[in-house]
Every structure is written in structure tokens, then in C-alpha cells.
Protein backbone atom coordinates (compact mmCIF):
# COMPACT_ATOMS: atom_id res chain seq x y z
CA UNK A 1 55.12 239.73 277.43
CA UNK A 2 57.05 242.17 275.29
CA UNK A 3 54.95 244.53 273.13
CA UNK A 4 54.58 243.82 269.44
CA UNK A 5 57.01 245.92 267.41
CA UNK A 6 55.98 247.56 264.18
CA UNK A 7 58.32 249.19 261.69
CA UNK A 8 57.05 251.07 258.67
CA UNK A 9 59.21 251.74 255.64
CA UNK A 10 58.56 255.46 255.27
CA UNK A 11 60.22 255.78 251.87
CA UNK A 12 57.96 253.01 250.60
CA UNK A 13 54.53 253.58 252.19
CA UNK A 14 53.14 250.40 250.62
CA UNK A 15 55.53 248.23 252.63
CA UNK A 16 55.30 247.53 256.35
CA UNK A 17 57.23 245.03 258.42
CA UNK A 18 55.64 243.45 261.44
CA UNK A 19 57.17 241.15 264.00
CA UNK A 20 54.82 239.27 266.32
CA UNK A 21 56.55 237.57 269.25
CA UNK A 22 54.82 234.32 270.28
CA UNK A 23 52.67 234.33 273.37
CA UNK A 24 53.94 232.35 276.37
CA UNK A 25 52.38 228.90 276.46
CA UNK A 26 50.71 229.65 279.79
CA UNK A 27 48.94 232.71 278.38
CA UNK A 28 47.81 230.80 275.31
CA UNK A 29 46.35 228.09 277.54
CA UNK A 30 44.61 230.70 279.70
CA UNK A 31 43.01 232.39 276.70
CA UNK A 32 41.80 229.05 275.34
CA UNK A 33 40.37 228.03 278.71
CA UNK A 34 38.52 231.33 279.03
CA UNK A 35 37.11 231.05 275.50
CA UNK A 36 36.16 227.37 275.83
CA UNK A 37 33.99 228.16 278.88
CA UNK A 38 31.91 230.59 276.85
CA UNK A 39 28.72 228.85 275.60
CA UNK A 40 28.61 231.12 272.55
CA UNK A 41 32.17 230.09 271.66
CA UNK A 42 31.30 226.38 271.93
CA UNK A 43 28.17 226.92 269.83
CA UNK A 44 30.22 228.76 267.21
CA UNK A 45 32.65 225.83 267.03
CA UNK A 46 29.80 223.36 266.56
CA UNK A 47 28.05 225.46 263.92
CA UNK A 48 31.32 226.13 262.13
CA UNK A 49 32.16 222.44 262.07
CA UNK A 50 28.74 221.56 260.66
CA UNK A 51 29.06 224.23 257.97
CA UNK A 52 32.48 222.96 256.93
CA UNK A 53 31.27 219.35 256.85
CA UNK A 54 28.27 220.22 254.69
CA UNK A 55 30.35 222.43 252.43
CA UNK A 56 32.99 219.71 252.11
CA UNK A 57 30.34 217.16 251.19
CA UNK A 58 28.90 219.29 248.40
CA UNK A 59 32.39 220.18 247.21
CA UNK A 60 33.23 216.48 247.05
CA UNK A 61 30.01 215.74 245.15
CA UNK A 62 30.72 218.61 242.77
CA UNK A 63 34.26 217.48 242.03
CA UNK A 64 33.12 213.92 241.65
CA UNK A 65 30.77 214.90 238.83
CA UNK A 66 33.05 217.56 237.35
CA UNK A 67 34.37 217.01 233.87
CA UNK A 68 36.77 219.38 232.19
CA UNK A 69 35.25 221.04 229.15
CA UNK A 70 36.38 223.56 226.61
CA UNK A 71 34.59 226.22 228.68
CA UNK A 72 36.78 225.61 231.76
CA UNK A 73 40.00 227.04 230.41
CA UNK A 74 42.55 229.66 231.35
CA UNK A 75 44.92 230.79 228.62
CA UNK A 76 43.85 227.83 226.53
CA UNK A 77 44.59 225.22 229.21
CA UNK A 78 41.95 223.08 230.89
CA UNK A 79 41.46 223.54 234.62
CA UNK A 80 42.48 220.56 236.71
CA UNK A 81 40.35 219.17 239.52
CA UNK A 82 42.87 220.60 242.00
CA UNK A 83 42.51 224.11 240.59
CA UNK A 84 38.71 223.88 240.61
CA UNK A 85 38.79 222.65 244.22
CA UNK A 86 41.01 225.56 245.22
CA UNK A 87 38.72 228.05 243.48
CA UNK A 88 35.57 226.70 245.14
CA UNK A 89 37.28 226.47 248.54
CA UNK A 90 38.52 230.05 248.32
CA UNK A 91 35.08 231.31 247.29
CA UNK A 92 33.49 229.46 250.21
CA UNK A 93 35.92 230.46 252.95
CA UNK A 94 36.34 234.06 251.78
CA UNK A 95 32.59 234.59 251.83
CA UNK A 96 32.38 233.46 255.46
CA UNK A 97 34.35 236.34 256.92
CA UNK A 98 34.89 239.25 254.54
CA UNK A 99 31.23 240.02 253.83
CA UNK A 100 30.38 239.71 257.52
CA UNK A 101 33.27 242.02 258.39
CA UNK A 102 32.16 244.53 255.76
CA UNK A 103 28.60 244.48 257.11
CA UNK A 104 29.93 245.62 260.46
CA UNK A 105 31.28 248.83 258.92
CA UNK A 106 28.14 249.34 256.81
CA UNK A 107 25.90 249.08 259.88
CA UNK A 108 28.15 251.20 262.08
CA UNK A 109 28.18 254.01 259.53
CA UNK A 110 24.40 253.95 259.05
CA UNK A 111 23.81 253.80 262.81
CA UNK A 112 25.91 256.94 263.28
CA UNK A 113 24.58 258.81 260.23
CA UNK A 114 20.76 258.93 260.23
CA UNK A 115 20.66 261.33 257.25
CA UNK A 116 22.41 258.79 255.04
CA UNK A 117 20.15 256.06 256.40
CA UNK A 118 17.08 258.12 255.65
CA UNK A 119 18.33 258.78 252.13
CA UNK A 120 18.45 255.05 251.40
CA UNK A 121 14.95 254.56 252.80
CA UNK A 122 13.43 257.42 250.81
CA UNK A 123 15.46 256.74 247.66
CA UNK A 124 15.86 252.96 247.24
CA UNK A 125 17.59 253.55 243.91
CA UNK A 126 20.55 254.91 245.90
CA UNK A 127 21.20 251.54 247.54
CA UNK A 128 23.30 250.15 244.70
CA UNK A 129 25.61 253.20 244.45
CA UNK A 130 25.65 253.32 248.26
CA UNK A 131 27.11 249.81 248.33
CA UNK A 132 29.92 250.91 246.02
CA UNK A 133 30.59 254.07 248.02
CA UNK A 134 30.69 252.23 251.35
CA UNK A 135 32.92 249.56 249.81
CA UNK A 136 35.27 252.31 248.68
CA UNK A 137 35.31 254.14 251.99
CA UNK A 138 35.56 251.12 254.28
CA UNK A 139 37.80 248.66 252.44
CA UNK A 140 38.77 245.94 254.90
CA UNK A 141 41.25 243.61 253.18
CA UNK A 142 44.99 244.30 253.08
CA UNK A 143 47.26 242.17 250.92
CA UNK A 144 49.93 240.23 252.76
CA UNK A 145 52.94 238.47 251.28
CA UNK A 146 55.90 236.55 252.70
CA UNK A 147 59.41 237.55 251.69
CA UNK A 148 61.01 234.60 249.89
CA UNK A 149 64.62 235.79 250.02
CA UNK A 150 66.74 238.45 251.72
CA UNK A 151 66.41 241.76 249.88
CA UNK A 152 66.97 245.47 250.41
CA UNK A 153 64.41 248.05 249.24
CA UNK A 154 65.43 251.71 249.43
CA UNK A 155 67.85 251.02 252.22
CA UNK A 156 65.47 248.86 254.25
CA UNK A 157 66.55 245.27 254.73
CA UNK A 158 63.93 242.53 254.51
CA UNK A 159 64.67 238.97 255.55
CA UNK A 160 63.32 235.74 254.18
CA UNK A 161 60.18 234.86 256.13
CA UNK A 162 59.24 238.48 256.92
CA UNK A 163 55.58 239.29 256.35
CA UNK A 164 54.84 242.32 254.17
CA UNK A 165 51.61 244.29 254.34
CA UNK A 166 50.61 246.10 251.14
CA UNK A 167 47.72 248.49 251.93
CA UNK A 168 46.37 248.92 248.40
CA UNK A 169 43.11 250.09 249.99
CA UNK A 170 44.76 253.49 250.56
CA UNK A 171 44.19 254.12 246.84
CA UNK A 172 40.49 254.45 247.70
CA UNK A 173 41.35 257.56 249.73
CA UNK A 174 43.48 259.19 247.04
CA UNK A 175 42.59 262.91 246.87
CA UNK A 176 43.68 263.00 243.23
CA UNK A 177 41.02 260.42 242.35
CA UNK A 178 38.22 261.28 244.79
CA UNK A 179 36.87 264.61 245.98
CA UNK A 180 36.84 264.70 249.78
CA UNK A 181 37.68 260.98 249.93
CA UNK A 182 37.08 260.59 253.67
CA UNK A 183 33.43 261.59 253.35
CA UNK A 184 30.64 259.28 252.20
CA UNK A 185 28.59 260.53 249.26
CA UNK A 186 26.00 258.18 247.77
CA UNK A 187 25.85 260.40 244.68
CA UNK A 188 29.58 260.38 244.09
CA UNK A 189 30.68 260.01 240.50
CA UNK A 190 31.52 256.36 240.01
CA UNK A 191 35.26 255.74 239.97
CA UNK A 192 36.73 252.23 240.10
CA UNK A 193 38.03 251.42 243.57
CA UNK A 194 40.48 248.74 244.71
CA UNK A 195 38.45 247.17 247.48
CA UNK A 196 38.22 243.97 245.44
CA UNK A 197 41.76 244.24 244.11
CA UNK A 198 42.53 244.40 240.41
CA UNK A 199 43.98 242.57 237.45
CA UNK A 200 44.56 238.81 237.85
CA UNK A 201 44.21 239.17 241.63
CA UNK A 202 40.72 240.68 241.50
CA UNK A 203 38.31 239.03 243.95
CA UNK A 204 36.33 236.39 242.08
CA UNK A 205 33.48 236.72 244.57
CA UNK A 206 33.05 240.48 244.06
CA UNK A 207 29.63 240.22 242.42
CA UNK A 208 28.39 237.80 245.08
CA UNK A 209 29.57 240.16 247.82
CA UNK A 210 27.90 243.13 246.15
CA UNK A 211 24.64 241.20 245.85
CA UNK A 212 24.70 240.12 249.50
CA UNK A 213 25.42 243.65 250.71
CA UNK A 214 22.70 245.15 248.55
CA UNK A 215 20.09 242.61 249.71
CA UNK A 216 21.08 243.23 253.32
CA UNK A 217 20.49 246.98 253.03
CA UNK A 218 17.17 246.49 251.26
CA UNK A 219 15.81 243.97 253.76
CA UNK A 220 17.26 245.47 256.96
CA UNK A 221 16.13 249.04 256.30
CA UNK A 222 12.66 247.85 255.26
CA UNK A 223 12.25 246.18 258.66
CA UNK A 224 14.42 248.29 260.98
CA UNK A 225 14.69 251.80 259.52
CA UNK A 226 15.88 253.49 262.73
CA UNK A 227 18.58 252.03 264.92
CA UNK A 228 21.66 253.07 266.84
CA UNK A 229 24.65 251.61 268.64
CA UNK A 230 24.10 250.86 272.32
CA UNK A 231 25.15 254.11 274.05
CA UNK A 232 27.34 252.51 276.73
CA UNK A 233 29.30 250.35 274.28
CA UNK A 234 32.82 251.23 273.18
CA UNK A 235 33.19 250.02 269.59
CA UNK A 236 36.62 248.59 268.85
CA UNK A 237 38.22 247.81 265.50
CA UNK A 238 40.60 244.89 265.05
CA UNK A 239 43.10 245.50 262.27
CA UNK A 240 44.59 242.44 260.62
CA UNK A 241 44.65 241.15 257.05
CA UNK A 242 40.86 241.46 257.29
CA UNK A 243 39.82 244.44 259.44
CA UNK A 244 36.82 243.68 261.63
CA UNK A 245 34.53 245.09 264.29
CA UNK A 246 34.39 242.20 266.80
CA UNK A 247 31.14 243.33 268.43
CA UNK A 248 28.48 245.91 267.51
CA UNK A 249 25.37 245.82 269.75
CA UNK A 250 22.44 247.72 268.23
CA UNK A 251 19.26 249.08 269.75
CA UNK A 252 15.95 250.05 268.14
CA UNK A 253 12.36 250.59 269.17
CA UNK A 254 10.10 247.55 269.41
CA UNK A 255 7.49 247.21 266.66
CA UNK A 256 4.01 248.38 267.62
């Protein structure tokens, strides 16, 4: 299999072109066979299917009883059932992976930085600003768009069908906006970050995500204040549209 090629438009750092050659059919089949033999994989498929069925049922019930009102408007126009279904579906599916992915980076940072962890335990009021600071530092979502027609940008040719990655999250590490942006400071002066996007493309589930992350820190640290990553484990990061930590085994002392 030939390696994946990546070309970055240096004159336009917000644009990257990626070409992913398809895997040979035999390798695809091998990967599926290996995964399908894993009991955890089969359980995940079953649980995922049940979740989608239940969510679909409640979505169907919701849409069945939904009536457009003057409150459900955008720019003076009533929202159609199709738009409402898309909104609810997006909120549901987005919440299944992005918050979980973000929790991986939250936990990894706290496992490796006991002083920050202790700060949150001793000063619970810092948890809310800590959520914002960790969201800023470890933004995980990169915008992706498909080129709709052949175009040239600063001498770089893009073809229809090319996928473009726009890493707006780099704005969170802008030295002109943040002092020492690579460090994590729970007392940092609040400055709007772009982890949830902005303008009309701002994440509609931002407040739900913030609430979930804050509750996690409150409840986890109250029960497991000291923990670390298993010493023999090599943590890997998978970078895609949503950046994730596929596995993060933790260890802590048993309660006495």
C-alpha cells in the first residue's frame, strides 16, 4: 500500500490538501475480520444500534408532535420539519463523539499535571474557568470542506472533489491573543476562543458540552482525586476532523 500523501499550502496556512488512496479490498476485509472477532467491538455495535434506535424513536415522536410556531423562526421564516430534524440529529450525533474525545484530553492533562489537578480539588470555583482553558488549549475539531469547482489559490491548484482542512483551532494558540498560549493557566484572563467555532457556524451544543465537561470534573475529582496513566502504555493521538485519543488506561489507588 502506498503511503498517504499530504501537501500543505504554505502561503495559505489555513488550507491543506490531503489525498487518501483507498485500501486494497483484501486489507479492508482483514481489518473488519479482526475487529469483528473482538467482543468489545461487537458489544459497541449492539449498544450503538440500541442508542440510535431509541434516539430515532424519540426524534420521530418529537417531530410527530411538533408544530411550527412564531418562536421557531430564523430571519422571520418558520423552521420546517426537515430543518428541525437536521438540527436535532446533529445535536445528537455530535454529542456522541466530540465530548468524549475532549474528555480524553482533559483527563490526560490532569493525569500528567498533579498540581493543576490539586488546584481544582482545593479550589472548586476554578473548575468553570478550567473547562474554558482546557477547551482553548485542546481544541479537537477541524473544519473540513469539499472543493466544488477547480480553482487556484495563490498559485496552488485545487480540483473539484478535493477535501480542504481549515484548522481554525490554531487561533487558540495565537501569541498575539494569549500570553504563553501553549501553557495551561486556570486563572488566565478570559478571551473568546474558537473551539466551538463562531458566527453562524458556532456549535449549537456548546453550552451542553460545557455543562457535561464541568459535571465530569466535579464528580470525577470528588471520587478519584489522584490518578495517572498506566506507566507501560504509549498514548497515541489520532488526528482527523475530530482529534481523539483512542485509548487511555488510568490507574489509581483502591479506596480504603
